[in-house]
Protein backbone atom coordinates (compact mmCIF):
# COMPACT_ATOMS: atom_id res chain seq x y z
CA MET A 1 21.98 5.39 -51.70
CA ASN A 2 21.59 2.06 -49.96
CA ARG A 3 25.00 0.68 -48.98
CA PHE A 4 23.53 -2.76 -48.36
CA PRO A 5 21.43 -3.58 -51.44
CA HIS A 6 20.64 -7.07 -50.19
CA LEU A 7 18.84 -5.61 -47.12
CA PRO A 8 15.45 -3.88 -47.36
CA PRO A 9 15.45 -0.17 -46.50
CA LEU A 10 14.38 0.78 -43.01
CA PRO A 11 10.93 2.39 -42.73
CA LEU A 12 12.27 5.45 -40.92
CA LEU A 13 9.04 7.40 -41.39
CA LEU A 14 7.09 4.61 -39.69
CA TYR A 15 9.65 4.41 -36.89
CA SER A 16 9.55 8.16 -36.23
CA TYR A 17 5.74 8.12 -36.28
CA LEU A 18 5.58 5.28 -33.73
CA ALA A 19 8.21 6.92 -31.52
CA THR A 20 6.20 10.13 -31.48
CA GLU A 21 3.01 8.24 -30.65
CA ILE A 22 4.78 6.54 -27.73
CA LEU A 23 6.60 9.56 -26.30
CA ALA A 24 3.55 11.85 -26.16
CA PRO A 25 1.56 9.74 -23.64
CA PHE A 26 4.82 8.83 -21.87
CA PHE A 27 5.55 12.46 -21.02
CA ALA A 28 1.92 13.03 -20.00
CA SER A 29 1.98 10.00 -17.68
CA PHE A 30 5.40 11.00 -16.37
CA LEU A 31 4.15 14.48 -15.48
CA ILE A 32 1.00 13.22 -13.75
CA MET A 33 2.80 10.56 -11.70
CA ASN A 34 5.55 12.90 -10.56
CA SER A 35 2.95 15.48 -9.57
CA VAL A 36 1.35 12.87 -7.32
CA PHE A 37 4.73 11.83 -5.90
CA PHE A 38 5.56 15.50 -5.37
CA LEU A 39 2.47 16.02 -3.22
CA VAL A 40 3.20 12.87 -1.22
CA LYS A 41 6.80 13.96 -0.55
CA LEU A 42 5.91 17.60 0.09
CA ILE A 43 4.07 17.10 3.39
CA PRO A 44 7.00 15.59 5.38
CA PHE A 45 9.39 17.92 3.54
CA LEU A 46 7.64 21.04 4.85
CA ASN A 47 8.84 20.30 8.39
CA VAL A 48 12.45 20.78 7.27
CA VAL A 49 11.60 23.90 5.27
CA LEU A 50 9.79 25.62 8.14
CA GLU A 51 12.34 24.61 10.77
CA LEU A 52 15.31 25.97 8.84
CA ASN A 53 13.39 28.96 7.40
CA ILE A 54 14.48 28.07 3.86
CA GLY A 55 13.99 30.53 1.02
CA PHE A 56 12.26 29.66 -2.23
CA THR A 57 15.51 29.19 -4.18
CA ASP A 58 17.01 26.86 -1.58
CA PHE A 59 13.67 25.05 -1.39
CA LEU A 60 13.82 24.30 -5.11
CA ARG A 61 17.44 23.17 -4.82
CA LEU A 62 16.68 20.94 -1.86
CA PHE A 63 13.61 19.38 -3.41
CA SER A 64 15.38 18.81 -6.73
CA TYR A 65 17.70 16.39 -4.93
CA LEU A 66 14.67 14.20 -4.20
CA PHE A 67 13.68 13.90 -7.87
CA PRO A 68 16.13 11.09 -8.81
CA ASN A 69 14.55 8.81 -6.19
CA MET A 70 11.10 9.69 -7.49
CA PHE A 71 12.09 9.14 -11.11
CA LEU A 72 13.44 5.68 -10.31
CA TYR A 73 9.85 4.51 -9.73
CA SER A 74 7.82 6.93 -11.84
CA MET A 75 9.71 6.42 -15.12
CA PRO A 76 9.06 2.64 -15.43
CA MET A 77 5.36 3.14 -14.77
CA ALA A 78 5.15 6.12 -17.13
CA ALA A 79 6.97 4.16 -19.86
CA MET A 80 4.57 1.23 -19.50
CA MET A 81 1.48 3.47 -19.48
CA GLY A 82 2.78 5.47 -22.46
CA MET A 83 3.30 2.28 -24.45
CA ILE A 84 -0.15 0.92 -23.55
CA ILE A 85 -1.96 4.19 -24.33
CA ALA A 86 -0.13 4.65 -27.65
CA PHE A 87 -0.87 1.19 -29.02
CA SER A 88 -4.40 1.15 -27.59
CA ARG A 89 -5.13 4.24 -29.67
CA LEU A 90 -3.49 2.77 -32.78
CA SER A 91 -5.46 -0.44 -32.38
CA SER A 92 -8.77 1.30 -31.64
CA ASP A 93 -8.38 3.53 -34.72
CA THR A 94 -7.64 0.41 -36.85
CA GLU A 95 -4.18 1.74 -37.72
CA ILE A 96 -2.63 -1.55 -36.62
CA LEU A 97 -5.06 -3.32 -38.96
CA ALA A 98 -3.91 -1.02 -41.78
CA PHE A 99 -0.28 -1.86 -40.98
CA LYS A 100 -1.02 -5.57 -41.25
CA ALA A 101 -2.91 -5.07 -44.51
CA ASN A 102 0.24 -3.46 -45.96
CA GLY A 103 2.46 -6.31 -44.79
CA ILE A 104 3.79 -4.63 -41.62
CA SER A 105 3.81 -7.20 -38.84
CA ILE A 106 4.25 -6.75 -35.12
CA TYR A 107 7.92 -7.69 -35.44
CA THR A 108 8.40 -4.84 -37.93
CA ILE A 109 7.22 -2.23 -35.42
CA LEU A 110 9.37 -3.67 -32.62
CA PRO A 111 12.58 -1.65 -33.36
CA PRO A 112 11.19 1.79 -32.38
CA VAL A 113 9.55 0.21 -29.34
CA ILE A 114 12.87 -1.33 -28.27
CA ILE A 115 14.81 1.88 -28.96
CA VAL A 116 12.40 4.03 -26.93
CA SER A 117 12.33 1.47 -24.12
CA MET A 118 16.10 1.26 -24.02
CA ALA A 119 16.42 5.06 -23.98
CA ILE A 120 14.00 5.37 -21.04
CA ALA A 121 15.70 2.47 -19.25
CA GLY A 122 19.10 4.09 -19.84
CA ILE A 123 17.94 7.36 -18.31
CA THR A 124 16.50 5.41 -15.38
CA GLY A 125 19.82 3.62 -14.97
CA TYR A 126 21.68 6.94 -14.96
CA PHE A 127 19.40 8.21 -12.20
CA SER A 128 19.85 4.98 -10.26
CA VAL A 129 23.63 4.63 -10.56
CA LYS A 130 24.81 8.22 -10.68
CA LEU A 131 22.27 10.88 -9.68
CA ILE A 132 20.69 9.24 -6.61
CA PRO A 133 23.94 8.98 -4.58
CA THR A 134 25.07 12.39 -5.86
CA GLY A 135 21.72 13.95 -4.95
CA GLU A 136 21.75 12.50 -1.43
CA ILE A 137 25.27 13.79 -0.78
CA ALA A 138 24.33 17.23 -2.16
CA MET A 139 21.20 17.30 0.00
CA LYS A 140 23.24 16.50 3.09
CA GLN A 141 25.71 19.28 2.32
CA LEU A 142 22.96 21.78 1.56
CA LEU A 143 21.11 21.01 4.80
CA PHE A 144 24.33 21.46 6.73
CA GLN A 145 25.04 24.73 4.96
CA LEU A 146 21.54 26.04 5.67
CA ALA A 147 21.79 25.03 9.34
CA LYS A 148 25.20 26.71 9.69
CA GLU A 149 23.90 29.87 8.01
CA LYS A 150 21.02 29.92 10.46
CA ILE A 151 23.51 29.70 13.35
CA ASP A 152 25.75 32.37 11.84
CA LYS A 153 22.80 34.72 11.46
CA GLY A 154 21.78 34.01 15.05
CA ILE A 155 25.19 35.03 16.47
CA LYS A 156 25.05 38.78 16.88
CA GLU A 157 27.11 41.33 18.75
CA ASN A 158 26.24 41.87 22.42
CA ALA A 159 23.56 39.19 22.39
CA PHE A 160 23.22 35.68 23.76
CA THR A 161 22.77 33.04 21.06
CA GLU A 162 20.85 29.82 21.87
CA ALA A 163 20.81 28.38 18.34
CA LEU A 164 23.30 25.69 19.41
CA GLY A 165 21.03 24.01 21.95
CA ASP A 166 22.75 23.55 25.33
CA VAL A 167 25.67 25.74 24.24
CA VAL A 168 25.06 29.48 24.69
CA VAL A 169 27.44 31.92 22.97
CA TYR A 170 27.96 35.61 23.69
CA VAL A 171 30.16 37.73 21.39
CA GLN A 172 31.04 41.33 22.16
CA SER A 173 32.08 42.24 18.60
CA ILE A 174 32.37 40.60 15.18
CA ASP A 175 34.80 41.58 12.44
CA LYS A 176 32.59 42.19 9.39
CA THR A 177 35.44 41.38 6.99
CA THR A 178 36.89 38.15 8.41
CA GLY A 179 34.00 37.08 10.64
CA GLN A 180 36.38 36.82 13.60
CA TRP A 181 34.84 37.05 17.09
CA HIS A 182 36.26 39.25 19.85
CA ASN A 183 35.70 38.85 23.61
CA VAL A 184 33.78 35.60 23.50
CA TRP A 185 31.83 33.97 26.36
CA VAL A 186 30.55 30.36 26.02
CA SER A 187 28.31 28.45 28.45
CA ASP A 188 28.29 24.68 27.93
CA MET A 189 25.46 22.75 29.68
CA ARG A 190 25.91 19.47 27.84
CA ASP A 191 25.79 16.40 30.13
CA GLN A 192 26.10 18.45 33.32
CA LYS A 193 23.88 20.35 35.71
CA VAL A 194 26.23 23.31 36.30
CA PRO A 195 27.54 24.89 33.09
CA SER A 196 31.19 25.17 32.15
CA ILE A 197 32.12 28.76 31.39
CA THR A 198 34.74 29.53 28.75
CA MET A 199 36.04 33.04 28.09
CA ALA A 200 38.42 33.98 25.29
CA LYS A 201 39.78 37.09 23.64
CA SER A 202 38.95 35.85 20.13
CA GLY A 203 37.20 32.99 18.39
CA SER A 204 35.55 31.70 15.26
CA MET A 205 33.32 28.90 14.05
CA VAL A 206 33.96 26.34 11.28
CA GLY A 207 31.82 23.49 9.99
CA ASP A 208 32.39 19.87 8.95
CA SER A 209 29.65 18.61 6.62
CA LYS A 210 30.90 15.00 6.73
CA LYS A 211 30.61 14.77 10.50
CA MET A 212 27.59 17.12 10.56
CA GLN A 213 29.07 19.27 13.30
CA VAL A 214 30.38 22.79 13.89
CA THR A 215 33.52 23.60 15.84
CA ILE A 216 33.98 26.74 17.92
CA ILE A 217 37.68 27.67 18.03
CA LEU A 218 38.65 29.90 20.95
CA GLU A 219 42.06 31.55 21.46
CA ASN A 220 43.76 33.07 24.50
CA GLY A 221 41.27 32.37 27.21
CA SER A 222 40.33 30.34 30.26
CA LEU A 223 37.97 27.43 31.00
CA ASN A 224 36.08 27.36 34.32
CA ARG A 225 34.66 23.91 35.05
CA PRO A 226 32.75 23.13 38.31
CA ASP A 227 34.02 20.18 40.33
CA GLY A 228 31.80 19.69 43.35
CA THR A 229 32.40 22.57 45.73
CA TYR A 230 35.45 23.67 43.76
CA THR A 231 35.99 25.12 40.32
CA GLN A 232 38.77 24.12 37.94
CA THR A 233 40.30 26.95 35.97
CA VAL A 234 42.39 26.14 32.93
CA THR A 235 44.08 28.72 30.73
CA PHE A 236 44.70 27.96 27.06
CA ASP A 237 46.10 29.39 23.88
CA ARG A 238 43.70 27.43 21.68
CA TYR A 239 40.57 25.48 22.64
CA GLN A 240 37.99 23.71 20.45
CA ILE A 241 34.35 22.92 21.24
CA ASN A 242 32.75 20.36 18.88
CA ILE A 243 28.97 20.68 18.60
CA PRO A 244 26.93 18.16 16.54
CA LEU A 245 24.16 19.86 14.61
CA ARG A 246 20.58 18.78 15.24
CA ILE A 247 19.09 19.33 11.82
CA PRO A 248 15.40 18.50 11.14
CA SER A 249 16.36 16.07 8.39
CA ILE A 250 13.74 13.29 8.61
CA ILE A 251 12.03 13.24 5.23
CA ASP A 252 9.49 10.46 4.61
CA GLY A 253 10.93 8.41 7.49
CA THR A 254 14.56 8.66 6.32
CA ASP A 255 17.36 10.72 7.86
CA VAL A 256 18.94 12.30 4.79
CA THR A 257 21.95 13.58 6.76
CA GLN A 258 23.24 10.12 7.66
CA GLN A 259 25.84 8.44 5.51
CA ALA A 260 23.80 5.51 4.23
CA ILE A 261 24.28 2.77 1.67
CA SER A 262 22.03 4.68 -0.73
CA SER A 263 24.45 7.61 -0.87
CA MET A 264 27.45 5.46 -1.83
CA THR A 265 28.67 5.23 -5.40
CA MET A 266 28.97 1.89 -7.18
CA SER A 267 32.74 1.77 -6.54
CA GLN A 268 32.19 2.51 -2.85
CA LEU A 269 29.64 -0.28 -2.65
CA GLN A 270 32.14 -2.69 -4.20
CA GLU A 271 34.76 -1.59 -1.66
CA VAL A 272 32.35 -2.29 1.20
CA ILE A 273 31.52 -5.72 -0.26
CA THR A 274 35.22 -6.56 -0.61
CA HIS A 275 36.14 -5.22 2.84
CA PHE A 276 33.39 -6.93 4.88
CA GLY A 277 32.80 -9.95 2.65
CA ARG A 278 29.68 -11.04 0.79
CA GLU A 279 28.32 -13.14 3.66
CA SER A 280 28.63 -10.45 6.35
CA LYS A 281 25.68 -8.24 7.22
CA GLN A 282 27.30 -5.04 5.91
CA GLY A 283 28.62 -6.73 2.78
CA ARG A 284 25.29 -8.39 2.02
CA GLU A 285 23.41 -5.09 2.46
CA ALA A 286 25.83 -3.36 0.08
CA LEU A 287 25.50 -6.22 -2.43
CA VAL A 288 21.70 -6.01 -2.35
CA HIS A 289 21.84 -2.27 -3.00
CA PHE A 290 24.36 -2.79 -5.79
CA HIS A 291 22.00 -5.18 -7.59
CA LYS A 292 18.99 -2.95 -6.87
CA ARG A 293 20.53 -0.11 -8.87
CA LEU A 294 20.83 -2.41 -11.88
CA VAL A 295 17.63 -4.44 -11.49
CA LEU A 296 15.19 -1.52 -11.60
CA PRO A 297 16.46 0.01 -14.90
CA VAL A 298 16.33 -3.42 -16.56
CA GLY A 299 12.84 -3.87 -15.10
CA CYS A 300 11.89 -0.52 -16.66
CA PHE A 301 12.92 -1.87 -20.09
CA ILE A 302 10.92 -5.09 -19.62
CA LEU A 303 7.80 -3.28 -18.39
CA SER A 304 7.99 -0.93 -21.38
CA LEU A 305 8.03 -3.87 -23.79
CA LEU A 306 5.16 -5.47 -21.89
CA GLY A 307 3.03 -2.43 -22.73
CA LEU A 308 3.04 -3.36 -26.45
CA PRO A 309 1.01 -6.62 -26.29
CA LEU A 310 -1.24 -5.19 -23.57
CA GLY A 311 -2.00 -2.08 -25.62
CA LEU A 312 -2.84 -4.13 -28.73
CA GLN A 313 -5.72 -5.83 -26.89
CA ALA A 314 -7.88 -2.77 -27.56
CA ARG A 315 -10.29 -2.97 -30.48
CA ALA A 316 -12.74 -0.59 -32.09
CA GLY A 317 -15.85 -0.47 -29.95
CA ARG A 318 -14.19 -2.35 -27.10
CA SER A 319 -12.79 -0.86 -23.91
CA ALA A 320 -9.02 -0.72 -23.52
CA ILE A 321 -8.29 -3.47 -21.02
CA GLY A 322 -4.55 -2.92 -21.32
CA ILE A 323 -4.45 -0.06 -18.79
CA PRO A 324 -5.88 -2.01 -15.82
CA LEU A 325 -3.81 -5.04 -16.82
CA GLY A 326 -0.72 -2.83 -16.96
CA LEU A 327 -1.40 -1.35 -13.53
CA GLY A 328 -1.88 -4.84 -12.14
CA GLY A 329 1.35 -6.01 -13.77
CA PHE A 330 3.26 -3.00 -12.42
CA ILE A 331 2.03 -3.65 -8.87
CA LEU A 332 2.82 -7.36 -9.19
CA TYR A 333 6.34 -6.58 -10.39
CA TYR A 334 7.12 -4.37 -7.40
CA VAL A 335 5.55 -6.86 -4.99
CA LEU A 336 7.86 -9.57 -6.36
CA PHE A 337 10.78 -7.14 -6.28
CA THR A 338 10.12 -6.30 -2.62
CA ILE A 339 9.81 -9.98 -1.71
CA GLY A 340 13.04 -10.79 -3.53
CA LYS A 341 14.84 -7.89 -1.83
CA ASN A 342 13.70 -9.04 1.62
CA ILE A 343 14.76 -12.60 0.88
CA ALA A 344 18.17 -11.39 -0.32
CA GLU A 345 18.67 -9.31 2.83
CA GLU A 346 17.46 -11.81 5.42
CA SER A 347 18.37 -15.22 4.01
CA SER A 348 21.72 -16.79 3.21
CA GLY A 349 20.80 -17.68 -0.37
CA SER A 350 22.02 -16.21 -3.62
CA VAL A 351 21.54 -12.44 -3.73
CA TRP A 352 21.55 -12.09 -7.50
CA MET A 353 19.00 -14.88 -7.93
CA ALA A 354 16.59 -13.30 -5.43
CA MET A 355 17.04 -9.80 -6.87
CA TRP A 356 16.84 -10.73 -10.56
CA PHE A 357 14.04 -13.29 -10.27
CA PRO A 358 11.18 -10.75 -10.94
CA ASN A 359 12.96 -9.53 -14.09
CA LEU A 360 13.43 -13.09 -15.31
CA ILE A 361 9.75 -13.95 -14.75
CA PHE A 362 8.48 -10.79 -16.44
CA PHE A 363 10.91 -11.14 -19.36
CA VAL A 364 9.67 -14.66 -20.15
CA PHE A 365 6.08 -13.50 -19.73
CA THR A 366 6.66 -10.51 -22.04
CA VAL A 367 8.24 -12.68 -24.76
CA LEU A 368 5.30 -15.11 -24.62
CA LEU A 369 2.75 -12.29 -24.89
CA LEU A 370 4.62 -10.72 -27.81
CA ARG A 371 4.66 -14.07 -29.60
CA GLN A 372 0.94 -14.64 -28.98
CA THR A 373 0.11 -11.13 -30.20
CA ALA A 374 2.28 -11.40 -33.32
CA ASN A 375 0.57 -14.68 -34.23
CA GLU A 376 -2.85 -13.08 -33.59
CA ARG A 377 -3.64 -15.50 -30.83
CA PRO A 378 -5.22 -14.72 -27.48
CA LEU A 379 -2.82 -13.67 -24.75
CA ILE A 380 -3.62 -16.76 -22.71
CA PRO A 381 -2.88 -20.01 -24.64
CA LYS A 382 -5.72 -22.45 -25.17
CA ILE A 383 -4.17 -24.98 -22.82
CA LEU A 384 -4.06 -22.47 -19.98
CA SER A 385 -7.48 -21.07 -20.78
CA HIS A 386 -8.92 -24.61 -20.89
CA ALA A 387 -7.28 -25.45 -17.58
CA TRP A 388 -8.64 -22.22 -16.13
CA ALA A 389 -12.13 -23.03 -17.44
CA VAL A 390 -11.94 -26.49 -15.88
CA PHE A 391 -10.83 -24.96 -12.63
CA ILE A 392 -13.68 -22.47 -12.72
CA THR A 393 -16.39 -24.99 -13.63
CA ARG A 394 -15.31 -27.94 -11.48
CA LEU A 395 -13.50 -26.62 -8.44
CA VAL A 396 -14.91 -23.18 -7.84
CA PRO A 397 -18.63 -24.11 -7.51
CA PRO A 398 -18.04 -26.69 -4.73
CA LEU A 399 -15.79 -24.26 -2.94
CA MET A 400 -18.35 -21.49 -3.29
CA GLU A 401 -21.07 -23.85 -2.07
CA LYS A 402 -19.04 -24.74 1.00
CA LEU A 403 -18.30 -21.10 1.59
CA ARG A 404 -21.96 -20.21 1.19
CA ALA A 405 -22.96 -22.99 3.58
CA TRP A 406 -20.32 -21.90 6.07
CA ILE A 407 -21.56 -18.32 5.91
CA HIS A 408 -25.26 -19.21 5.97
CA LEU A 409 -25.05 -21.75 8.82
CA PRO A 410 -25.02 -19.18 11.63
CA VAL A 411 -27.54 -17.13 9.66
CA LYS A 412 -29.90 -20.12 9.44
CA LYS A 413 -29.53 -20.72 13.17
CA LEU A 414 -30.34 -17.09 13.82
CA ILE A 415 -33.35 -17.20 11.48
CA LYS A 416 -34.58 -20.42 13.11
CA LYS A 417 -34.22 -18.92 16.55
CA SER A 418 -35.99 -15.76 15.43
CA THR A 419 -38.80 -17.83 13.84
CA LEU A 420 -39.31 -19.81 17.03
CA ASN A 421 -39.44 -16.63 19.03
CA LEU A 422 -41.90 -15.16 16.51
CA ARG A 423 -44.11 -18.25 16.69
CA GLN A 424 -44.00 -18.13 20.44
CA TYR A 425 -44.98 -14.49 20.26
CA ASN A 426 -47.84 -15.16 17.82
CA LYS A 427 -49.41 -18.03 19.78
CA THR A 428 -53.10 -17.61 20.67
CA ARG A 429 -54.28 -17.31 24.19
CA GLU A 430 -55.68 -20.84 24.07
CA GLU A 431 -52.32 -22.27 22.78
CA LEU A 432 -50.47 -20.51 25.54
CA LEU A 433 -52.95 -21.76 28.18
CA GLY A 434 -52.66 -25.39 27.04
CA SER A 435 -55.22 -28.19 26.83
CA GLY A 436 -56.61 -27.66 30.33
CA HIS A 437 -57.81 -24.13 29.89
CA LEU A 438 -61.52 -25.19 29.46
CA THR A 439 -63.74 -26.35 32.31
CA SER A 440 -63.92 -30.09 32.84
CA GLY A 441 -67.34 -31.71 32.50
CA THR A 442 -68.62 -29.31 29.89
CA VAL A 443 -69.03 -29.92 26.17
CA HIS A 444 -66.00 -28.68 24.21
CA GLY A 445 -66.41 -27.35 20.68
CA ASN A 446 -63.89 -27.34 17.82
CA ILE A 447 -64.39 -24.04 16.01
CA LYS A 448 -62.65 -25.31 12.88
CA SER A 449 -64.50 -28.59 12.31
CA MET A 450 -67.67 -27.44 14.14
CA ALA A 451 -67.56 -30.72 16.05
CA CYS A 452 -68.22 -30.98 19.75
CA HIS A 453 -66.76 -33.44 22.23
CA VAL A 454 -67.89 -34.79 25.54
CA PRO A 455 -65.78 -36.11 28.41
CA GLY A 456 -64.28 -39.48 27.56
CA CYS A 457 -63.62 -38.57 23.91
CA GLU A 458 -60.02 -38.67 22.78
CA SER A 459 -60.48 -35.24 21.14
CA TYR A 460 -62.03 -33.70 24.25
CA SER A 461 -58.91 -31.58 24.93
CA CYS A 462 -57.84 -30.99 21.32
CA GLN A 463 -55.86 -27.89 20.37
CA HIS A 464 -58.72 -26.28 18.46
CA CYS A 465 -61.35 -26.89 21.12
CA THR A 466 -61.61 -23.29 22.21
CA ILE A 467 -65.28 -23.01 23.19
CA GLU A 468 -67.37 -24.81 25.79
CA PHE A 469 -71.10 -25.43 26.28
CA LYS A 470 -73.04 -26.23 29.42
CA ASN A 471 -74.65 -29.26 27.81
CA MET A 472 -75.08 -31.00 24.46
CA GLU A 473 -78.43 -29.38 23.78
CA ILE A 474 -76.88 -25.91 23.77
CA ALA A 475 -74.00 -27.16 21.57
CA LEU A 476 -76.49 -28.58 19.06
CA GLN A 477 -78.38 -25.32 19.03
CA ALA A 478 -75.09 -23.47 18.27
CA GLY A 479 -74.63 -25.63 15.18
CA PHE A 480 -72.05 -28.06 16.54
CA THR A 481 -72.30 -31.81 15.86
CA PRO A 482 -70.85 -34.52 18.12
CA CYS A 483 -68.16 -36.67 16.58
CA ASN A 484 -68.69 -40.40 16.07
CA THR A 485 -66.87 -41.26 19.29
CA CYS A 486 -68.98 -38.80 21.20
CA LYS A 487 -72.16 -40.23 19.63
CA ALA A 488 -71.18 -43.71 20.84
CA ILE A 489 -70.47 -42.30 24.30
CA LEU A 490 -73.80 -40.46 24.36
CA GLU A 491 -75.70 -43.59 23.20
CA LYS A 492 -73.94 -45.66 25.86
CA ASN A 493 -74.77 -43.14 28.52
CA SER A 494 -78.39 -43.02 27.25
CA THR A 495 -78.70 -46.82 27.42
CA LEU A 496 -77.29 -46.92 30.95
CA SER A 497 -79.71 -44.20 32.00
CA THR A 498 -82.70 -46.15 30.52
CA SER A 499 -81.59 -49.36 32.30
CA ASP A 500 -81.35 -47.57 35.62
CA GLN A 501 -84.85 -46.23 35.19
CA ALA A 502 -86.19 -49.77 34.37
CA LEU A 503 -84.94 -51.22 37.67
CA PRO A 504 -87.67 -51.37 40.50
């Protein structure tokens, strides 16, 4: 029975159907992405495993502590991809069109989308705030425990143990029940050329996971320390040797055994901020990390909602463009997040503004896209699309032309140079010899115009005059005809010759 008769009943069947459609691709995407992250993390992780000779059970425990950090980045992307894939399928199969035909608008299907997004964001927030610092502390303790177990296994009766680096331990006997050592001999070569020798009747070893060191406790013995040509001998009832452990703990460029900001709880971060002050380097670093743990879960919620309008861009017979758009949006979000984080760490401006700016931008963008999709309008408003079209048609062509000219200019010079070289290479023998390659005084013939030229003609040394004759009679017999200038010269010479013959 409906307790609120003035309110319409909730379409719970529709909500459960949409939630199922969203969660199925979400889990598939989540599994694929974490498999990729697993392979990326596995390679540097193997160095630690092989160095400490870790068993399969401890390997699973150790690697499980890395999962919260992986989930912090894989869950937002999986949520966005799951949302895009789900609504792309609904839109491609015209189920969204059927919803609209039955009066179900985009705003009606928003509640399950918001609920699923908030649930995923809440889980991401739990990983970010609680499990990441807990996992890093547990990893540090487990690495220390594994290293200490390796040392304990290396200390055997009547054998020298070099598992502690420059400290060599010899134990005559070990009590199997209490683990107490008897008749202990220790050689300490740290920071000295000649070792210090310590002998004791009994001893034991304890560990401190916070300081990442082991302490050898010796009782009833003597310490022999070299001092030049002399040796100092000191007897003691109780003597401690502190040895820092050198654990192969660099995983993906990070030393997981160091007490870092990332392993602090939220209350510890607030204590650091209060103790050092917000403007100090330590306080600002803690404040940035405090906001980071809150920003990313909220960003997960926003990216999940963004998948709804992007997924609805798919149509029957049209490729789903939401997936590449979603990947681009995801990359853009983390680029902006990284820029904001760097600004917050290095500048003196507002930390919360720099850290929350990507979420603010993407939230406004998501609301606008949801509104455009609900009103069945294109994602990009007409004003922006018109401005983009103007930009493309008016500004891009001149820029492309300048770019093309800038790129082609050296190419044109190269082509021109190559053409000149080619022309020089292809010149005929006569062109290479020049205009004076024929004998002076002979009749020169132009093989193209079949005209012949005599000395005194302006075309006597033309470029195409490549053949010569002993006299004009031979040239005429070869089919060549004198040019008009040459005819005038020949007539003039003939007249002068006739006049000379007429003289007594």
